[in-house]
C-alpha atoms as a PDB file:
ATOM      1  CA  MET A   1     124.508 -57.039  30.870  1.00  0.00           C
ATOM      2  CA  LYS A   2     123.117 -53.534  30.349  1.00  0.00           C
ATOM      3  CA  PRO A   3     125.344 -50.730  31.676  1.00  0.00           C
ATOM      4  CA  ILE A   4     122.356 -48.949  33.260  1.00  0.00           C
ATOM      5  CA  LYS A   5     119.382 -50.078  35.319  1.00  0.00           C
ATOM      6  CA  ARG A   6     115.829 -49.907  34.030  1.00  0.00           C
ATOM      7  CA  VAL A   7     112.595 -48.961  35.827  1.00  0.00           C
ATOM      8  CA  ALA A   8     109.046 -49.327  34.498  1.00  0.00           C
ATOM      9  CA  VAL A   9     106.986 -46.287  35.524  1.00  0.00           C
ATOM     10  CA  ILE A  10     103.257 -47.069  35.755  1.00  0.00           C
ATOM     11  CA  HIS A  11     101.630 -43.670  36.265  1.00  0.00           C
ATOM     12  CA  ASP A  12      99.540 -41.007  34.537  1.00  0.00           C
ATOM     13  CA  MET A  13     101.005 -38.483  32.082  1.00  0.00           C
ATOM     14  CA  CYS A  14     100.156 -34.752  32.165  1.00  0.00           C
ATOM     15  CA  SER A  15     101.064 -32.497  29.244  1.00  0.00           C
ATOM     16  CA  VAL A  16     101.225 -29.312  31.362  1.00  0.00           C
ATOM     17  CA  GLY A  17     101.896 -28.934  35.081  1.00  0.00           C
ATOM     18  CA  LYS A  18     104.841 -30.776  36.597  1.00  0.00           C
ATOM     19  CA  ALA A  19     103.345 -33.842  38.222  1.00  0.00           C
ATOM     20  CA  ALA A  20     103.344 -37.614  37.739  1.00  0.00           C
ATOM     21  CA  MET A  21     105.533 -38.775  34.827  1.00  0.00           C
ATOM     22  CA  THR A  22     106.417 -35.185  33.898  1.00  0.00           C
ATOM     23  CA  ASN A  23     108.451 -35.088  37.122  1.00  0.00           C
ATOM     24  CA  ILE A  24     109.489 -38.713  37.341  1.00  0.00           C
ATOM     25  CA  LEU A  25     111.021 -39.385  33.925  1.00  0.00           C
ATOM     26  CA  PRO A  26     113.645 -36.579  33.935  1.00  0.00           C
ATOM     27  CA  VAL A  27     114.669 -37.477  37.488  1.00  0.00           C
ATOM     28  CA  PHE A  28     115.517 -41.048  36.561  1.00  0.00           C
ATOM     29  CA  SER A  29     117.237 -40.023  33.336  1.00  0.00           C
ATOM     30  CA  ILE A  30     119.573 -37.512  34.972  1.00  0.00           C
ATOM     31  CA  MET A  31     120.398 -40.058  37.684  1.00  0.00           C
ATOM     32  CA  GLY A  32     121.554 -42.494  35.004  1.00  0.00           C
ATOM     33  CA  ILE A  33     118.552 -44.831  35.211  1.00  0.00           C
ATOM     34  CA  GLU A  34     116.472 -45.752  32.160  1.00  0.00           C
ATOM     35  CA  PRO A  35     112.774 -44.894  32.762  1.00  0.00           C
ATOM     36  CA  CYS A  36     110.224 -46.836  30.711  1.00  0.00           C
ATOM     37  CA  PRO A  37     106.832 -45.053  30.827  1.00  0.00           C
ATOM     38  CA  VAL A  38     103.730 -47.239  31.049  1.00  0.00           C
ATOM     39  CA  PRO A  39     100.925 -44.622  31.171  1.00  0.00           C
ATOM     40  CA  THR A  40      97.634 -45.392  32.903  1.00  0.00           C
ATOM     41  CA  MET A  41      95.967 -42.219  31.609  1.00  0.00           C
ATOM     42  CA  ILE A  42      96.862 -39.135  29.555  1.00  0.00           C
ATOM     43  CA  LEU A  43      95.734 -35.672  30.708  1.00  0.00           C
ATOM     44  CA  SER A  44      96.101 -32.202  29.214  1.00  0.00           C
ATOM     45  CA  THR A  45      97.043 -30.910  32.703  1.00  0.00           C
ATOM     46  CA  HIS A  46      96.991 -32.245  36.232  1.00  0.00           C
ATOM     47  CA  THR A  47      93.697 -31.852  38.095  1.00  0.00           C
ATOM     48  CA  GLY A  48      94.572 -28.876  40.311  1.00  0.00           C
ATOM     49  CA  GLY A  49      94.353 -25.282  39.159  1.00  0.00           C
ATOM     50  CA  PHE A  50      93.795 -25.515  35.408  1.00  0.00           C
ATOM     51  CA  GLY A  51      90.086 -26.322  35.390  1.00  0.00           C
ATOM     52  CA  LYS A  52      88.799 -29.668  34.192  1.00  0.00           C
ATOM     53  CA  PRO A  53      91.493 -31.308  32.047  1.00  0.00           C
ATOM     54  CA  VAL A  54      91.038 -33.389  28.928  1.00  0.00           C
ATOM     55  CA  MET A  55      91.452 -36.979  30.127  1.00  0.00           C
ATOM     56  CA  MET A  56      92.068 -40.061  28.002  1.00  0.00           C
ATOM     57  CA  PRO A  57      91.983 -43.437  29.790  1.00  0.00           C
ATOM     58  CA  LEU A  58      94.073 -46.218  28.271  1.00  0.00           C
ATOM     59  CA  PRO A  59      92.064 -49.386  28.963  1.00  0.00           C
ATOM     60  CA  SER A  60      94.087 -52.618  28.728  1.00  0.00           C
ATOM     61  CA  PHE A  61      97.308 -50.770  27.788  1.00  0.00           C
ATOM     62  CA  VAL A  62      99.169 -51.860  30.937  1.00  0.00           C
ATOM     63  CA  THR A  63      98.382 -55.545  30.415  1.00  0.00           C
ATOM     64  CA  GLU A  64      99.035 -55.532  26.673  1.00  0.00           C
ATOM     65  CA  ALA A  65     102.315 -53.664  27.167  1.00  0.00           C
ATOM     66  CA  ALA A  66     103.405 -56.278  29.719  1.00  0.00           C
ATOM     67  CA  LYS A  67     102.735 -59.075  27.217  1.00  0.00           C
ATOM     68  CA  HIS A  68     104.713 -57.270  24.518  1.00  0.00           C
ATOM     69  CA  PHE A  69     107.624 -56.645  26.881  1.00  0.00           C
ATOM     70  CA  LYS A  70     107.666 -60.294  27.942  1.00  0.00           C
ATOM     71  CA  ASN A  71     107.541 -61.536  24.342  1.00  0.00           C
ATOM     72  CA  ASN A  72     110.621 -59.425  23.621  1.00  0.00           C
ATOM     73  CA  GLN A  73     112.521 -60.623  26.709  1.00  0.00           C
ATOM     74  CA  ILE A  74     112.421 -57.106  28.181  1.00  0.00           C
ATOM     75  CA  SER A  75     113.008 -57.040  31.927  1.00  0.00           C
ATOM     76  CA  PHE A  76     113.036 -54.380  34.643  1.00  0.00           C
ATOM     77  CA  ASP A  77     115.142 -53.867  37.743  1.00  0.00           C
ATOM     78  CA  TYR A  78     112.341 -51.936  39.442  1.00  0.00           C
ATOM     79  CA  ILE A  79     108.673 -51.189  38.847  1.00  0.00           C
ATOM     80  CA  PHE A  80     107.339 -47.811  40.057  1.00  0.00           C
ATOM     81  CA  ILE A  81     103.570 -47.872  40.618  1.00  0.00           C
ATOM     82  CA  GLY A  82     101.860 -44.485  40.934  1.00  0.00           C
ATOM     83  CA  TYR A  83      98.430 -43.138  40.003  1.00  0.00           C
ATOM     84  CA  LEU A  84      96.111 -45.894  38.742  1.00  0.00           C
ATOM     85  CA  GLY A  85      92.692 -44.229  38.835  1.00  0.00           C
ATOM     86  CA  ASN A  86      90.257 -47.138  38.994  1.00  0.00           C
ATOM     87  CA  ILE A  87      89.952 -50.735  40.113  1.00  0.00           C
ATOM     88  CA  GLN A  88      90.284 -52.129  36.590  1.00  0.00           C
ATOM     89  CA  VAL A  89      93.739 -50.579  36.241  1.00  0.00           C
ATOM     90  CA  VAL A  90      94.691 -52.017  39.649  1.00  0.00           C
ATOM     91  CA  ARG A  91      93.784 -55.451  38.244  1.00  0.00           C
ATOM     92  CA  GLU A  92      95.918 -54.752  35.163  1.00  0.00           C
ATOM     93  CA  VAL A  93      98.880 -53.776  37.327  1.00  0.00           C
ATOM     94  CA  LEU A  94      98.548 -57.017  39.286  1.00  0.00           C
ATOM     95  CA  GLN A  95      98.861 -58.883  35.994  1.00  0.00           C
ATOM     96  CA  PHE A  96     101.847 -56.706  35.005  1.00  0.00           C
ATOM     97  CA  LEU A  97     103.626 -57.632  38.242  1.00  0.00           C
ATOM     98  CA  LYS A  98     103.070 -61.338  37.629  1.00  0.00           C
ATOM     99  CA  TYR A  99     104.895 -61.027  34.296  1.00  0.00           C
ATOM    100  CA  PHE A 100     107.976 -59.625  36.077  1.00  0.00           C
ATOM    101  CA  PRO A 101     108.315 -61.463  39.405  1.00  0.00           C
ATOM    102  CA  ASP A 102     112.037 -60.707  39.726  1.00  0.00           C
ATOM    103  CA  ALA A 103     111.616 -56.915  39.696  1.00  0.00           C
ATOM    104  CA  ASP A 104     111.532 -54.953  42.932  1.00  0.00           C
ATOM    105  CA  VAL A 105     108.502 -52.694  43.353  1.00  0.00           C
ATOM    106  CA  LEU A 106     107.961 -49.181  44.710  1.00  0.00           C
ATOM    107  CA  PHE A 107     104.242 -48.587  45.291  1.00  0.00           C
ATOM    108  CA  ASP A 108     103.002 -45.017  45.788  1.00  0.00           C
ATOM    109  CA  PRO A 109      99.303 -45.575  46.685  1.00  0.00           C
ATOM    110  CA  ILE A 110      97.916 -42.266  45.420  1.00  0.00           C
ATOM    111  CA  MET A 111      94.320 -41.947  46.618  1.00  0.00           C
ATOM    112  CA  GLY A 112      93.950 -39.268  49.310  1.00  0.00           C
ATOM    113  CA  ASP A 113      95.309 -36.444  51.453  1.00  0.00           C
ATOM    114  CA  HIS A 114      94.269 -34.137  54.295  1.00  0.00           C
ATOM    115  CA  GLY A 115      92.286 -36.895  55.999  1.00  0.00           C
ATOM    116  CA  SER A 116      90.083 -38.121  53.149  1.00  0.00           C
ATOM    117  CA  PHE A 117      89.959 -39.802  49.748  1.00  0.00           C
ATOM    118  CA  TYR A 118      90.517 -37.791  46.609  1.00  0.00           C
ATOM    119  CA  MET A 119      87.413 -37.297  44.471  1.00  0.00           C
ATOM    120  CA  ASN A 120      86.276 -40.499  42.693  1.00  0.00           C
ATOM    121  CA  PHE A 121      88.038 -42.807  45.179  1.00  0.00           C
ATOM    122  CA  ASP A 122      86.339 -44.737  47.977  1.00  0.00           C
ATOM    123  CA  GLU A 123      86.760 -47.718  50.285  1.00  0.00           C
ATOM    124  CA  SER A 124      86.360 -50.244  47.463  1.00  0.00           C
ATOM    125  CA  TYR A 125      89.338 -48.666  45.672  1.00  0.00           C
ATOM    126  CA  ASN A 126      91.304 -48.717  48.921  1.00  0.00           C
ATOM    127  CA  GLN A 127      90.655 -52.433  49.334  1.00  0.00           C
ATOM    128  CA  ALA A 128      91.763 -53.080  45.754  1.00  0.00           C
ATOM    129  CA  MET A 129      95.010 -51.255  46.544  1.00  0.00           C
ATOM    130  CA  TRP A 130      95.654 -53.686  49.416  1.00  0.00           C
ATOM    131  CA  GLU A 131      96.231 -56.405  46.820  1.00  0.00           C
ATOM    132  CA  LEU A 132      99.366 -54.610  45.600  1.00  0.00           C
ATOM    133  CA  LEU A 133     101.027 -54.507  49.019  1.00  0.00           C
ATOM    134  CA  PRO A 134     102.356 -58.114  49.037  1.00  0.00           C
ATOM    135  CA  TYR A 135     104.248 -57.370  45.808  1.00  0.00           C
ATOM    136  CA  SER A 136     105.787 -54.161  47.160  1.00  0.00           C
ATOM    137  CA  THR A 137     109.409 -53.902  48.185  1.00  0.00           C
ATOM    138  CA  LEU A 138     108.680 -50.352  49.352  1.00  0.00           C
ATOM    139  CA  VAL A 139     105.431 -48.411  49.785  1.00  0.00           C
ATOM    140  CA  THR A 140     105.447 -44.587  49.973  1.00  0.00           C
ATOM    141  CA  PRO A 141     102.045 -43.334  51.184  1.00  0.00           C
ATOM    142  CA  ASN A 142     101.417 -39.932  52.659  1.00  0.00           C
ATOM    143  CA  TYR A 143     100.019 -39.957  56.195  1.00  0.00           C
ATOM    144  CA  THR A 144      96.377 -39.982  55.040  1.00  0.00           C
ATOM    145  CA  GLU A 145      96.986 -42.868  52.636  1.00  0.00           C
ATOM    146  CA  SER A 146      98.824 -44.852  55.305  1.00  0.00           C
ATOM    147  CA  CYS A 147      95.804 -44.468  57.604  1.00  0.00           C
ATOM    148  CA  LEU A 148      93.379 -45.476  54.843  1.00  0.00           C
ATOM    149  CA  LEU A 149      95.443 -48.573  54.025  1.00  0.00           C
ATOM    150  CA  THR A 150      95.584 -49.697  57.656  1.00  0.00           C
ATOM    151  CA  GLY A 151      92.246 -48.565  59.111  1.00  0.00           C
ATOM    152  CA  GLU A 152      93.874 -46.042  61.451  1.00  0.00           C
ATOM    153  CA  SER A 153      92.210 -42.729  62.275  1.00  0.00           C
ATOM    154  CA  CYS A 154      93.679 -39.614  60.657  1.00  0.00           C
ATOM    155  CA  LEU A 155      94.633 -37.430  63.607  1.00  0.00           C
ATOM    156  CA  GLU A 156      95.305 -33.713  63.684  1.00  0.00           C
ATOM    157  CA  TYR A 157      98.618 -34.639  65.306  1.00  0.00           C
ATOM    158  CA  SER A 158     100.026 -38.124  65.014  1.00  0.00           C
ATOM    159  CA  ASN A 159     102.704 -39.676  67.236  1.00  0.00           C
ATOM    160  CA  GLU A 160     105.377 -42.359  67.154  1.00  0.00           C
ATOM    161  CA  GLU A 161     103.046 -44.952  68.675  1.00  0.00           C
ATOM    162  CA  GLN A 162     100.511 -44.584  65.863  1.00  0.00           C
ATOM    163  CA  ILE A 163     103.214 -44.654  63.196  1.00  0.00           C
ATOM    164  CA  ALA A 164     104.616 -47.865  64.707  1.00  0.00           C
ATOM    165  CA  ARG A 165     101.124 -49.420  64.520  1.00  0.00           C
ATOM    166  CA  ILE A 166     100.730 -48.328  60.900  1.00  0.00           C
ATOM    167  CA  ALA A 167     104.138 -49.773  60.023  1.00  0.00           C
ATOM    168  CA  GLU A 168     103.273 -53.097  61.659  1.00  0.00           C
ATOM    169  CA  LYS A 169      99.922 -53.294  59.833  1.00  0.00           C
ATOM    170  CA  LEU A 170     101.619 -52.591  56.503  1.00  0.00           C
ATOM    171  CA  ARG A 171     104.121 -55.370  57.231  1.00  0.00           C
ATOM    172  CA  ARG A 172     101.278 -57.771  57.991  1.00  0.00           C
ATOM    173  CA  LYS A 173      99.770 -56.907  54.606  1.00  0.00           C
ATOM    174  CA  GLY A 174     103.021 -57.993  52.987  1.00  0.00           C
ATOM    175  CA  CYS A 175     104.996 -54.778  52.416  1.00  0.00           C
ATOM    176  CA  ARG A 176     108.642 -55.063  53.451  1.00  0.00           C
ATOM    177  CA  CYS A 177     109.460 -51.365  53.958  1.00  0.00           C
ATOM    178  CA  SER A 178     107.515 -48.114  54.039  1.00  0.00           C
ATOM    179  CA  VAL A 179     108.298 -44.411  53.908  1.00  0.00           C
ATOM    180  CA  ILE A 180     105.362 -42.327  55.158  1.00  0.00           C
ATOM    181  CA  THR A 181     105.394 -38.644  54.194  1.00  0.00           C
ATOM    182  CA  SER A 182     103.569 -35.587  55.591  1.00  0.00           C
ATOM    183  CA  VAL A 183     103.293 -37.097  59.071  1.00  0.00           C
ATOM    184  CA  PRO A 184     101.700 -34.334  61.224  1.00  0.00           C
ATOM    185  CA  LEU A 185     103.657 -34.357  64.477  1.00  0.00           C
ATOM    186  CA  GLN A 186     102.898 -31.661  67.054  1.00  0.00           C
ATOM    187  CA  ASP A 187     105.916 -29.460  66.293  1.00  0.00           C
ATOM    188  CA  PHE A 188     106.894 -30.880  62.901  1.00  0.00           C
ATOM    189  CA  PRO A 189     103.913 -30.975  60.496  1.00  0.00           C
ATOM    190  CA  GLN A 190     105.803 -32.435  57.515  1.00  0.00           C
ATOM    191  CA  SER A 191     107.735 -35.287  59.115  1.00  0.00           C
ATOM    192  CA  ILE A 192     108.801 -38.477  57.350  1.00  0.00           C
ATOM    193  CA  ALA A 193     108.600 -41.943  58.913  1.00  0.00           C
ATOM    194  CA  LEU A 194     111.007 -44.656  57.759  1.00  0.00           C
ATOM    195  CA  CYS A 195     109.792 -48.170  58.550  1.00  0.00           C
ATOM    196  CA  GLU A 196     112.212 -50.999  57.787  1.00  0.00           C
ATOM    197  CA  GLY A 197     111.557 -54.379  59.373  1.00  0.00           C
ATOM    198  CA  GLU A 198     110.599 -53.666  62.972  1.00  0.00           C
ATOM    199  CA  THR A 199     112.570 -50.409  63.050  1.00  0.00           C
ATOM    200  CA  VAL A 200     110.759 -47.074  62.810  1.00  0.00           C
ATOM    201  CA  GLU A 201     112.709 -43.827  62.443  1.00  0.00           C
ATOM    202  CA  ILE A 202     111.077 -40.391  62.346  1.00  0.00           C
ATOM    203  CA  LEU A 203     112.741 -37.604  60.387  1.00  0.00           C
ATOM    204  CA  SER A 204     111.235 -34.514  62.022  1.00  0.00           C
ATOM    205  CA  LYS A 205     110.662 -31.848  59.409  1.00  0.00           C
ATOM    206  CA  ALA A 206     109.095 -28.410  59.599  1.00  0.00           C
ATOM    207  CA  SER A 207     107.120 -26.940  56.707  1.00  0.00           C
ATOM    208  CA  THR A 208     109.441 -25.974  53.832  1.00  0.00           C
ATOM    209  CA  GLY A 209     107.340 -23.425  51.934  1.00  0.00           C
ATOM    210  CA  ARG A 210     104.280 -23.327  49.721  1.00  0.00           C
ATOM    211  CA  SER A 211     102.508 -26.553  48.771  1.00  0.00           C
ATOM    212  CA  TYR A 212     103.093 -27.467  45.118  1.00  0.00           C
ATOM    213  CA  HIS A 213     101.544 -30.151  42.972  1.00  0.00           C
ATOM    214  CA  GLY A 214     103.775 -33.107  42.122  1.00  0.00           C
ATOM    215  CA  THR A 215     106.189 -32.979  45.054  1.00  0.00           C
ATOM    216  CA  GLY A 216     105.150 -36.465  46.183  1.00  0.00           C
ATOM    217  CA  ASP A 217     106.047 -37.853  42.752  1.00  0.00           C
ATOM    218  CA  LEU A 218     109.351 -36.002  42.913  1.00  0.00           C
ATOM    219  CA  PHE A 219     110.169 -37.338  46.379  1.00  0.00           C
ATOM    220  CA  ALA A 220     109.346 -40.942  45.458  1.00  0.00           C
ATOM    221  CA  SER A 221     111.361 -40.878  42.227  1.00  0.00           C
ATOM    222  CA  VAL A 222     114.472 -39.370  43.841  1.00  0.00           C
ATOM    223  CA  LEU A 223     114.096 -41.810  46.750  1.00  0.00           C
ATOM    224  CA  LEU A 224     113.991 -44.765  44.371  1.00  0.00           C
ATOM    225  CA  GLY A 225     116.833 -43.430  42.247  1.00  0.00           C
ATOM    226  CA  LYS A 226     119.056 -43.102  45.311  1.00  0.00           C
ATOM    227  CA  LEU A 227     118.123 -46.613  46.485  1.00  0.00           C
ATOM    228  CA  MET A 228     118.980 -48.012  43.053  1.00  0.00           C
ATOM    229  CA  LYS A 229     122.356 -46.276  43.356  1.00  0.00           C
ATOM    230  CA  GLY A 230     123.045 -48.176  46.578  1.00  0.00           C
ATOM    231  CA  LEU A 231     122.092 -45.735  49.352  1.00  0.00           C
ATOM    232  CA  SER A 232     120.392 -46.931  52.528  1.00  0.00           C
ATOM    233  CA  LEU A 233     116.696 -46.173  52.998  1.00  0.00           C
ATOM    234  CA  ALA A 234     117.451 -43.433  55.548  1.00  0.00           C
ATOM    235  CA  ALA A 235     120.133 -41.782  53.407  1.00  0.00           C
ATOM    236  CA  ALA A 236     117.960 -41.982  50.277  1.00  0.00           C
ATOM    237  CA  ALA A 237     114.968 -40.438  52.077  1.00  0.00           C
ATOM    238  CA  LYS A 238     117.070 -37.591  53.464  1.00  0.00           C
ATOM    239  CA  GLU A 239     118.547 -36.765  50.051  1.00  0.00           C
ATOM    240  CA  ALA A 240     115.128 -36.977  48.378  1.00  0.00           C
ATOM    241  CA  HIS A 241     113.681 -34.598  50.975  1.00  0.00           C
ATOM    242  CA  GLN A 242     116.585 -32.174  50.558  1.00  0.00           C
ATOM    243  CA  PHE A 243     116.112 -32.125  46.790  1.00  0.00           C
ATOM    244  CA  VAL A 244     112.360 -31.466  47.050  1.00  0.00           C
ATOM    245  CA  CYS A 245     113.054 -28.658  49.547  1.00  0.00           C
ATOM    246  CA  LYS A 246     115.578 -27.131  47.141  1.00  0.00           C
ATOM    247  CA  CYS A 247     112.974 -27.173  44.345  1.00  0.00           C
ATOM    248  CA  ILE A 248     110.308 -25.632  46.599  1.00  0.00           C
ATOM    249  CA  GLN A 249     112.637 -22.887  47.825  1.00  0.00           C
ATOM    250  CA  SER A 250     113.709 -22.097  44.267  1.00  0.00           C
ATOM    251  CA  SER A 251     110.070 -21.916  43.179  1.00  0.00           C
ATOM    252  CA  ASP A 252     109.129 -19.670  46.103  1.00  0.00           C
ATOM    253  CA  GLN A 253     112.045 -17.320  45.451  1.00  0.00           C
ATOM    254  CA  ASN A 254     111.026 -16.943  41.810  1.00  0.00           C
ATOM    255  CA  GLY A 255     107.312 -16.521  42.542  1.00  0.00           C
ATOM    256  CA  TYR A 256     106.567 -19.584  40.416  1.00  0.00           C
ATOM    257  CA  PRO A 257     102.809 -20.330  40.119  1.00  0.00           C
ATOM    258  CA  VAL A 258     101.830 -23.140  42.485  1.00  0.00           C
ATOM    259  CA  LYS A 259      99.627 -24.816  39.881  1.00  0.00           C
ATOM    260  CA  GLU A 260     102.650 -25.234  37.583  1.00  0.00           C
ATOM    261  CA  GLY A 261     104.420 -27.479  40.082  1.00  0.00           C
ATOM    262  CA  VAL A 262     107.958 -26.810  41.265  1.00  0.00           C
ATOM    263  CA  LEU A 263     110.804 -25.368  39.210  1.00  0.00           C
ATOM    264  CA  LEU A 264     112.350 -28.718  38.407  1.00  0.00           C
ATOM    265  CA  GLU A 265     114.512 -28.128  35.343  1.00  0.00           C
ATOM    266  CA  PRO A 266     117.055 -25.670  36.859  1.00  0.00           C
ATOM    267  CA  ASN A 267     117.503 -28.000  39.840  1.00  0.00           C
ATOM    268  CA  LEU A 268     117.991 -31.321  38.062  1.00  0.00           C
ATOM    269  CA  LYS A 269     121.751 -30.685  37.979  1.00  0.00           C
ATOM    270  CA  TYR A 270     121.862 -31.382  41.726  1.00  0.00           C
ATOM    271  CA  LEU A 271     120.948 -35.017  40.995  1.00  0.00           C
ATOM    272  CA  LEU A 272     123.889 -35.636  38.671  1.00  0.00           C
ATOM    273  CA  PRO A 273     126.080 -38.537  39.871  1.00  0.00           C
END
């Protein structure tokens, strides 16, 4: 038996700007978990603040990598699904999951924010994403994405009743647990909803500082790392939120450029076991 756990990270890779795998891989490594990158796309930078990046799609890589892993008896404890980019890659990820039915799955359905789809995504992409929900042990949408996945209206201010409906709809689609971020409650615009079985818990959170690229990736990776270390969903979510807040506060104090993402490297030490 291997002395450490292993997670396959299916996500895009940016050379500059701390987002996606650039955030996720060091988090898992410092937490004592082996990250295995399975890139869906390679970019020179992330898409916010640096102008149009150089983008290189990797058609069929996810499926072919899965076959190679399987032929070499490589297995994973968890599969982290992040940015996919198009319906064809969604199909490839479905095939990847079928090669590793014993792995648990965290699905971060990256496709929108602030009430609408990101550029290049639409309802057909949303419906393709539904197909991943039955495979998901845990789904981590932001509030907008949770509404898109369930057909709920994106409200200026949400409430516990709507979040309970969203959680129930996600369960009906096959997802066992969900953590919904950036829930806009009246007095707490950055709340987190934890939905486990029929239980819904709201962690009421005020805004923590400037908005940086890549904090969703950071939250999801710390959340998963803590879960893989044996913490409960609530405890893992609280520690993930605290770590992201620490990174944001450190970045604000140092006047770090927002487009660069948060100051991650000096704060990784706080994730040491």
